[in-house]
Structure formats: C-alpha cells, structure tokens
Amino acid sequence: MACSGSRNSFVALGAGTMPSALVRLLQTVFSEEWGLNLRNRVAHGLATEADCSQANLDKVLHNALLLAGIRLVEQDDGSEGGETGGGSAAGVK
C-alpha cells in the first residue's frame, strides 16, 4: 500500500485499504487488550471512573475526527488510465 498526502489529508492506494498507522491507532485505543481497550471496556460494562478521564476523552475525540475526515472514493476499473488491479471497490481517501 502506498500513501501520500499532506498534514491534513492522505490517500491510500488500493481497494479498501487504510494506512496501517491509522488502523494500529484505532486498535490501540478501542479494541486491543494490549492497548486502552476502551470500546470493549465500555461495551461490556467494565469501565471504571479512571477510564472516563479527560485524556481518554481526548483520544476518543481525536479518533472520531480522524474517521470523520476519511472519504470513500470510487476506483476506476482499470480500463481507462493507469491504475490496475481492477474492480470497482471503494478505496479510502
């Protein structure tokens, strides 16, 4: 997967892909046992008062803003232009 972009945006080349750093960040904050695991702790009623800290709120809000900036883009089927690999799957921009 190749990524390019500026400070405020990125382009992930390839059908249905997201930058691995973003995937790792989301996993760390929300779902992995070795991370904060906030989604699981809240969803299963295991969250403590310490889990409801300003620092964790900042992390959740930061991730929500990152996800809000992602747009799905239609990829060309490869018949016109330079991209190959085909299909009309949506990529992430």
Protein backbone atom coordinates (compact mmCIF):
# COMPACT_ATOMS: atom_id res chain seq x y z
CA MET A 1 0.00 0.00 0.00
CA ALA A 2 1.31 3.42 -0.86
CA CYS A 3 0.29 6.57 0.94
CA SER A 4 0.84 10.17 0.06
CA GLY A 5 -0.58 13.41 1.28
CA SER A 6 -0.15 16.46 3.43
CA ARG A 7 -0.57 17.12 7.11
CA ASN A 8 -4.37 17.21 6.85
CA SER A 9 -5.08 14.51 4.31
CA PHE A 10 -3.82 11.26 2.92
CA VAL A 11 -4.54 8.99 0.02
CA ALA A 12 -4.43 5.23 0.46
CA LEU A 13 -3.88 3.49 -2.84
CA GLY A 14 -5.53 0.09 -3.11
CA ALA A 15 -9.05 -1.21 -2.77
CA GLY A 16 -10.48 -0.98 0.73
CA THR A 17 -7.24 -0.06 2.46
CA MET A 18 -6.45 2.35 5.24
CA PRO A 19 -2.99 3.43 6.32
CA SER A 20 -1.57 0.86 8.72
CA ALA A 21 -0.70 3.58 11.25
CA LEU A 22 -4.38 4.62 11.44
CA VAL A 23 -5.51 1.01 11.82
CA ARG A 24 -2.96 0.50 14.61
CA LEU A 25 -4.10 3.69 16.36
CA LEU A 26 -7.76 2.65 16.25
CA GLN A 27 -6.92 -0.82 17.53
CA THR A 28 -4.80 0.57 20.34
CA VAL A 29 -7.44 2.96 21.61
CA PHE A 30 -10.56 0.88 21.09
CA SER A 31 -10.11 -2.87 20.85
CA GLU A 32 -6.78 -4.43 21.74
CA GLU A 33 -6.08 -5.93 25.15
CA TRP A 34 -2.54 -4.53 25.00
CA GLY A 35 -3.96 -1.04 24.38
CA LEU A 36 -6.56 1.07 26.13
CA ASN A 37 -9.35 -1.29 25.01
CA LEU A 38 -11.95 1.44 25.60
CA ARG A 39 -14.67 0.05 23.31
CA ASN A 40 -14.63 -3.33 24.99
CA ARG A 41 -14.45 -1.88 28.50
CA VAL A 42 -17.44 0.41 27.89
CA ALA A 43 -19.48 -2.08 25.86
CA HIS A 44 -19.10 -4.84 28.45
CA GLY A 45 -19.68 -2.63 31.49
CA LEU A 46 -16.08 -2.89 32.71
CA ALA A 47 -15.22 0.81 32.50
CA THR A 48 -14.02 2.39 35.71
CA GLU A 49 -14.08 6.01 36.78
CA ALA A 50 -10.43 6.22 35.71
CA ASP A 51 -11.44 5.16 32.17
CA CYS A 52 -13.62 8.29 31.97
CA SER A 53 -10.67 10.67 32.15
CA GLN A 54 -10.03 13.79 30.11
CA ALA A 55 -7.04 12.06 28.49
CA ASN A 56 -9.20 9.17 27.24
CA LEU A 57 -11.89 11.58 26.07
CA ASP A 58 -9.23 13.42 24.06
CA LYS A 59 -8.13 10.14 22.45
CA VAL A 60 -11.69 9.18 21.52
CA LEU A 61 -12.44 12.63 20.10
CA HIS A 62 -9.17 12.66 18.17
CA ASN A 63 -10.01 9.30 16.57
CA ALA A 64 -13.56 10.41 15.77
CA LEU A 65 -12.18 13.47 13.98
CA LEU A 66 -9.70 11.31 12.05
CA LEU A 67 -12.51 8.99 10.95
CA ALA A 68 -14.72 11.93 10.01
CA GLY A 69 -12.01 13.07 7.59
CA ILE A 70 -11.97 9.78 5.67
CA ARG A 71 -13.85 9.68 2.41
CA LEU A 72 -14.62 6.63 0.32
CA VAL A 73 -13.66 7.10 -3.30
CA GLU A 74 -14.66 5.02 -6.27
CA GLN A 75 -11.73 3.42 -8.01
CA ASP A 76 -11.54 3.09 -11.74
CA ASP A 77 -11.97 -0.44 -13.11
CA GLY A 78 -8.57 -0.17 -14.80
CA SER A 79 -9.90 0.06 -18.36
CA GLU A 80 -9.05 3.76 -18.57
CA GLY A 81 -5.93 5.30 -17.12
CA GLY A 82 -3.01 3.90 -15.26
CA GLU A 83 -4.36 2.01 -12.26
CA THR A 84 -4.51 -1.74 -12.49
CA GLY A 85 -5.83 -4.30 -10.10
CA GLY A 86 -9.36 -3.63 -11.23
CA GLY A 87 -12.69 -3.99 -9.64
CA SER A 88 -14.97 -1.21 -8.68
CA ALA A 89 -14.18 -1.44 -4.98
CA ALA A 90 -14.07 1.71 -2.95
CA GLY A 91 -10.80 2.90 -1.53
CA VAL A 92 -10.12 5.27 1.32
CA LYS A 93 -9.07 8.85 0.74
